[in-house]
Amino acid sequence: MTRAKTDSVRATQTSLAVLSGIKDLGGSATLVELADSLEPVKSTIYKHLVTLEDEGLVVERNGEYRIGLRWLEFGGMAQRYDGIYEVAKPEVRRMAVETGELANLMIEEQGYGIYIHTSSGDQAVALDTRLGKRIHLHKTAIGKALLSSFDDERVAEIIETRGLPAETENTITDRETLFAELETIRERGVADDTEERVDGTGCVGVPIDTGDRREAAISITAPINRLQSPGRKAQLIDTVQQAANVIEVNLAHE
């Protein structure tokens, strides 16, 4: 059933569109830039900016608006509320230090994968896996590890809602192919990808048994030439599986 959109709901949607507009324009934007990129007229956008600024959610400096640091308060609460972040963070850091690569922690929310922590080793690639980054789950090993935690009905629901868009020529975009791969991941206990989200990189990931908390997974991302060197992939898989085991034990006894 479709819910009627009241004026207050429309106003909230406009404020969120303004915030997204600032983010999409690189983190800061003038009123003119926002008016050019958004549907609402300039006067309407300005009213929303003033309200957001009054609440500390947007900050204006020299005619440019940026996201306010007050969002850290909300983000920190969302990141930490069920304890996964605190328990997993040391192991994610250990993976990065031991391998020299990029280590990641992701949870599922509303059918997307959300990065809630990353840690870079001394050889790590620079990717867009920033805190809060939202991605389609089928595009990378850590996302497929998360999908493998769900039953087929839930996976089908996510596909129906979020689709299977391609990111590179290697992205899985076929439903049956994805289901077959998820079955293999469940049997092996580990997921991988080869340039499925970012050309030139690969990833190995495993799901974490979090009990009754949010579904989570961890992974290590590396340049494809290092990932495919003799013995390296097996080493990374062993590292990520050991870390997952430590996290699971610590969560169970927290």
Protein backbone atom coordinates (compact mmCIF):
# COMPACT_ATOMS: atom_id res chain seq x y z
CA MET A 1 0.00 0.00 0.00
CA THR A 2 1.38 3.40 -1.00
CA ARG A 3 1.59 5.93 1.80
CA ALA A 4 0.31 9.43 1.09
CA LYS A 5 3.05 12.05 1.07
CA THR A 6 2.19 14.83 3.47
CA ASP A 7 3.81 18.25 3.30
CA SER A 8 6.05 17.32 6.25
CA VAL A 9 7.23 14.16 4.46
CA ARG A 10 7.96 16.17 1.30
CA ALA A 11 9.91 18.70 3.36
CA THR A 12 11.98 15.92 4.90
CA GLN A 13 12.65 14.47 1.45
CA THR A 14 13.79 17.87 0.21
CA SER A 15 16.18 18.29 3.15
CA LEU A 16 17.62 14.84 2.45
CA ALA A 17 17.96 15.72 -1.23
CA VAL A 18 19.89 18.86 -0.27
CA LEU A 19 22.25 16.82 1.93
CA SER A 20 22.74 14.25 -0.83
CA GLY A 21 23.37 17.08 -3.26
CA ILE A 22 26.17 18.44 -1.11
CA LYS A 23 27.69 14.96 -0.85
CA ASP A 24 27.42 14.33 -4.59
CA LEU A 25 29.09 17.66 -5.34
CA GLY A 26 32.19 16.59 -3.44
CA GLY A 27 31.30 17.54 0.12
CA SER A 28 30.76 21.27 -0.30
CA ALA A 29 28.54 23.30 -2.61
CA THR A 30 27.20 26.80 -3.15
CA LEU A 31 23.51 27.59 -3.27
CA VAL A 32 23.76 28.10 -7.03
CA GLU A 33 25.42 24.70 -7.52
CA LEU A 34 22.71 23.00 -5.49
CA ALA A 35 19.97 24.83 -7.40
CA ASP A 36 21.51 23.69 -10.68
CA SER A 37 21.65 20.04 -9.61
CA LEU A 38 18.37 19.70 -7.69
CA GLU A 39 14.71 20.11 -8.69
CA PRO A 40 13.52 22.49 -5.92
CA VAL A 41 13.86 26.20 -6.66
CA LYS A 42 16.71 28.21 -5.11
CA SER A 43 14.53 29.89 -2.47
CA THR A 44 13.25 26.52 -1.25
CA ILE A 45 16.76 25.04 -1.10
CA TYR A 46 17.96 28.06 0.86
CA LYS A 47 15.21 27.62 3.49
CA HIS A 48 16.23 24.01 3.99
CA LEU A 49 19.91 24.96 4.23
CA VAL A 50 19.12 27.54 6.92
CA THR A 51 17.14 24.97 8.93
CA LEU A 52 19.86 22.35 8.58
CA GLU A 53 22.49 24.89 9.58
CA ASP A 54 20.51 25.87 12.68
CA GLU A 55 20.63 22.22 13.76
CA GLY A 56 24.37 21.85 13.06
CA LEU A 57 23.74 19.40 10.23
CA VAL A 58 25.10 21.78 7.60
CA VAL A 59 27.82 24.41 8.00
CA GLU A 60 28.25 27.49 5.79
CA ARG A 61 31.60 29.14 5.13
CA ASN A 62 32.37 31.75 2.48
CA GLY A 63 29.20 30.94 0.60
CA GLU A 64 29.79 27.19 0.51
CA TYR A 65 27.80 24.62 2.46
CA ARG A 66 29.26 21.37 3.77
CA ILE A 67 27.99 18.50 5.90
CA GLY A 68 28.20 19.40 9.60
CA LEU A 69 30.19 17.40 12.10
CA ARG A 70 27.07 16.78 14.15
CA TRP A 71 26.41 13.86 11.82
CA LEU A 72 29.31 12.09 13.54
CA GLU A 73 27.11 11.83 16.62
CA PHE A 74 24.46 9.95 14.67
CA GLY A 75 26.98 7.95 12.67
CA GLY A 76 28.89 6.89 15.75
CA MET A 77 25.72 5.64 17.38
CA ALA A 78 24.69 3.69 14.25
CA GLN A 79 28.19 2.24 13.94
CA ARG A 80 28.39 1.04 17.53
CA TYR A 81 24.91 0.20 18.69
CA ASP A 82 25.16 -3.61 18.74
CA GLY A 83 28.83 -4.08 19.60
CA ILE A 84 30.05 -5.58 16.32
CA TYR A 85 32.26 -2.62 15.49
CA GLU A 86 34.10 -2.60 18.83
CA VAL A 87 34.71 -6.35 18.76
CA ALA A 88 35.74 -6.54 15.10
CA LYS A 89 37.87 -3.39 14.89
CA PRO A 90 41.07 -4.87 16.43
CA GLU A 91 40.92 -7.89 14.13
CA VAL A 92 40.33 -5.75 11.04
CA ARG A 93 43.38 -3.69 11.99
CA ARG A 94 45.42 -6.84 12.59
CA MET A 95 44.52 -8.14 9.12
CA ALA A 96 45.70 -4.88 7.56
CA VAL A 97 48.98 -4.83 9.48
CA GLU A 98 49.80 -8.51 8.87
CA THR A 99 49.02 -8.49 5.15
CA GLY A 100 49.81 -4.88 4.25
CA GLU A 101 46.50 -4.76 2.39
CA LEU A 102 43.12 -3.05 2.81
CA ALA A 103 40.87 -4.76 5.40
CA ASN A 104 37.12 -4.13 5.64
CA LEU A 105 34.13 -4.64 7.91
CA MET A 106 30.65 -4.48 6.40
CA ILE A 107 27.08 -4.90 7.62
CA GLU A 108 23.88 -5.30 5.62
CA GLU A 109 21.15 -2.70 5.84
CA GLN A 110 18.06 -2.40 3.63
CA GLY A 111 19.56 -4.71 1.04
CA TYR A 112 22.83 -2.80 0.69
CA GLY A 113 26.28 -3.41 2.14
CA ILE A 114 27.57 -0.60 4.37
CA TYR A 115 31.25 -0.25 5.22
CA ILE A 116 31.44 0.51 8.95
CA HIS A 117 35.22 0.19 9.30
CA THR A 118 38.29 -0.11 7.08
CA SER A 119 41.99 -0.29 7.89
CA SER A 120 44.92 0.17 5.51
CA GLY A 121 48.21 -1.70 5.61
CA ASP A 122 51.44 -0.25 4.27
CA GLN A 123 50.77 -1.55 0.72
CA ALA A 124 47.01 -0.99 0.64
CA VAL A 125 45.24 0.25 -2.46
CA ALA A 126 43.28 3.48 -2.13
CA LEU A 127 39.62 2.71 -2.77
CA ASP A 128 36.31 4.41 -2.02
CA THR A 129 35.54 2.09 0.92
CA ARG A 130 35.08 5.04 3.26
CA LEU A 131 33.01 4.87 6.41
CA GLY A 132 29.33 4.66 5.48
CA LYS A 133 29.94 3.81 1.81
CA ARG A 134 26.92 1.88 0.50
CA ILE A 135 27.27 -0.72 -2.28
CA HIS A 136 25.25 -3.44 -3.98
CA LEU A 137 26.05 -6.71 -2.28
CA HIS A 138 26.57 -8.83 -5.40
CA LYS A 139 29.52 -6.77 -6.66
CA THR A 140 32.26 -7.80 -4.26
CA ALA A 141 33.45 -10.68 -2.12
CA ILE A 142 32.46 -9.10 1.18
CA GLY A 143 28.97 -8.42 -0.15
CA LYS A 144 28.57 -11.94 -1.48
CA ALA A 145 29.78 -13.27 1.88
CA LEU A 146 26.94 -11.32 3.47
CA LEU A 147 24.42 -12.61 0.94
CA SER A 148 25.54 -16.18 1.69
CA SER A 149 24.35 -15.64 5.27
CA PHE A 150 20.75 -15.26 4.07
CA ASP A 151 18.31 -17.88 2.85
CA ASP A 152 17.33 -17.86 -0.83
CA GLU A 153 14.06 -16.07 -0.11
CA ARG A 154 15.86 -13.10 1.45
CA VAL A 155 18.43 -13.03 -1.37
CA ALA A 156 15.62 -13.01 -3.94
CA GLU A 157 13.97 -10.13 -2.09
CA ILE A 158 17.21 -8.11 -2.19
CA ILE A 159 17.64 -8.81 -5.91
CA GLU A 160 14.05 -7.77 -6.58
CA THR A 161 14.48 -4.54 -4.63
CA ARG A 162 18.06 -3.54 -5.51
CA GLY A 163 18.66 -5.31 -8.80
CA LEU A 164 21.94 -6.70 -10.13
CA PRO A 165 23.54 -3.70 -11.86
CA ALA A 166 26.98 -4.10 -13.44
CA GLU A 167 30.00 -2.20 -12.17
CA THR A 168 32.62 -3.82 -14.40
CA GLU A 169 32.48 -6.39 -17.18
CA ASN A 170 33.13 -9.07 -14.52
CA THR A 171 30.19 -8.20 -12.24
CA ILE A 172 27.64 -10.97 -11.83
CA THR A 173 24.37 -9.71 -13.32
CA ASP A 174 22.55 -13.02 -13.77
CA ARG A 175 20.32 -14.24 -10.95
CA GLU A 176 20.99 -17.96 -11.41
CA THR A 177 24.73 -17.42 -11.62
CA LEU A 178 24.62 -15.50 -8.35
CA PHE A 179 22.59 -18.18 -6.58
CA ALA A 180 25.04 -20.86 -7.76
CA GLU A 181 27.99 -18.84 -6.50
CA LEU A 182 26.32 -18.26 -3.12
CA GLU A 183 25.87 -22.01 -2.73
CA THR A 184 29.58 -22.48 -3.42
CA ILE A 185 30.43 -19.80 -0.86
CA ARG A 186 28.31 -21.56 1.76
CA GLU A 187 30.14 -24.82 1.07
CA ARG A 188 33.64 -23.28 1.10
CA GLY A 189 33.01 -20.70 3.81
CA VAL A 190 34.75 -17.99 1.79
CA ALA A 191 33.83 -15.61 -1.04
CA ASP A 192 36.09 -14.02 -3.60
CA ASP A 193 35.89 -11.65 -6.51
CA THR A 194 38.14 -10.78 -9.41
CA GLU A 195 37.67 -7.20 -10.64
CA GLU A 196 33.90 -7.42 -10.08
CA ARG A 197 33.52 -3.94 -8.56
CA VAL A 198 36.82 -2.20 -9.28
CA ASP A 199 39.08 -2.98 -12.22
CA GLY A 200 42.53 -4.08 -11.12
CA THR A 201 41.51 -5.27 -7.65
CA GLY A 202 40.23 -8.45 -6.06
CA CYS A 203 38.90 -9.42 -2.66
CA VAL A 204 38.42 -12.38 -0.33
CA GLY A 205 35.71 -12.25 2.32
CA VAL A 206 33.92 -14.36 4.90
CA PRO A 207 30.63 -13.94 6.78
CA ILE A 208 30.64 -13.57 10.55
CA ASP A 209 28.25 -15.50 12.76
CA THR A 210 26.99 -12.61 14.89
CA GLY A 211 24.22 -14.46 16.71
CA ASP A 212 21.13 -12.27 16.89
CA ARG A 213 22.94 -9.07 15.85
CA ARG A 214 23.21 -7.50 12.42
CA GLU A 215 24.66 -9.65 9.66
CA ALA A 216 28.31 -8.76 9.09
CA ALA A 217 31.31 -9.84 7.05
CA ILE A 218 35.00 -9.00 6.78
CA SER A 219 37.35 -8.99 3.81
CA ILE A 220 40.78 -8.16 2.47
CA THR A 221 41.13 -6.23 -0.79
CA ALA A 222 44.33 -6.28 -2.87
CA PRO A 223 45.60 -5.46 -6.35
CA ILE A 224 44.81 -8.34 -8.65
CA ASN A 225 48.47 -9.03 -9.45
CA ARG A 226 49.28 -9.56 -5.76
CA LEU A 227 46.09 -11.50 -5.08
CA GLN A 228 46.87 -13.96 -7.88
CA SER A 229 50.55 -14.47 -7.06
CA PRO A 230 51.46 -18.04 -5.94
CA GLY A 231 50.16 -18.79 -2.45
CA ARG A 232 49.04 -15.22 -1.74
CA LYS A 233 45.31 -15.83 -2.08
CA ALA A 234 45.47 -18.85 0.24
CA GLN A 235 47.39 -16.75 2.76
CA LEU A 236 44.79 -13.99 2.68
CA ILE A 237 41.93 -16.46 3.00
CA ASP A 238 43.60 -18.02 6.05
CA THR A 239 44.08 -14.58 7.62
CA VAL A 240 40.48 -13.49 7.09
CA GLN A 241 39.08 -16.82 8.34
CA GLN A 242 41.18 -16.67 11.50
CA ALA A 243 40.03 -13.11 12.14
CA ALA A 244 36.38 -14.08 11.64
CA ASN A 245 36.77 -16.91 14.14
CA VAL A 246 38.24 -14.57 16.77
CA ILE A 247 35.45 -12.06 16.23
CA GLU A 248 32.78 -14.75 16.52
CA VAL A 249 34.25 -16.10 19.77
CA ASN A 250 34.52 -12.63 21.27
CA LEU A 251 30.97 -11.73 20.25
CA ALA A 252 29.64 -14.94 21.79
CA HIS A 253 31.32 -14.16 25.12
CA GLU A 254 30.78 -10.42 25.22
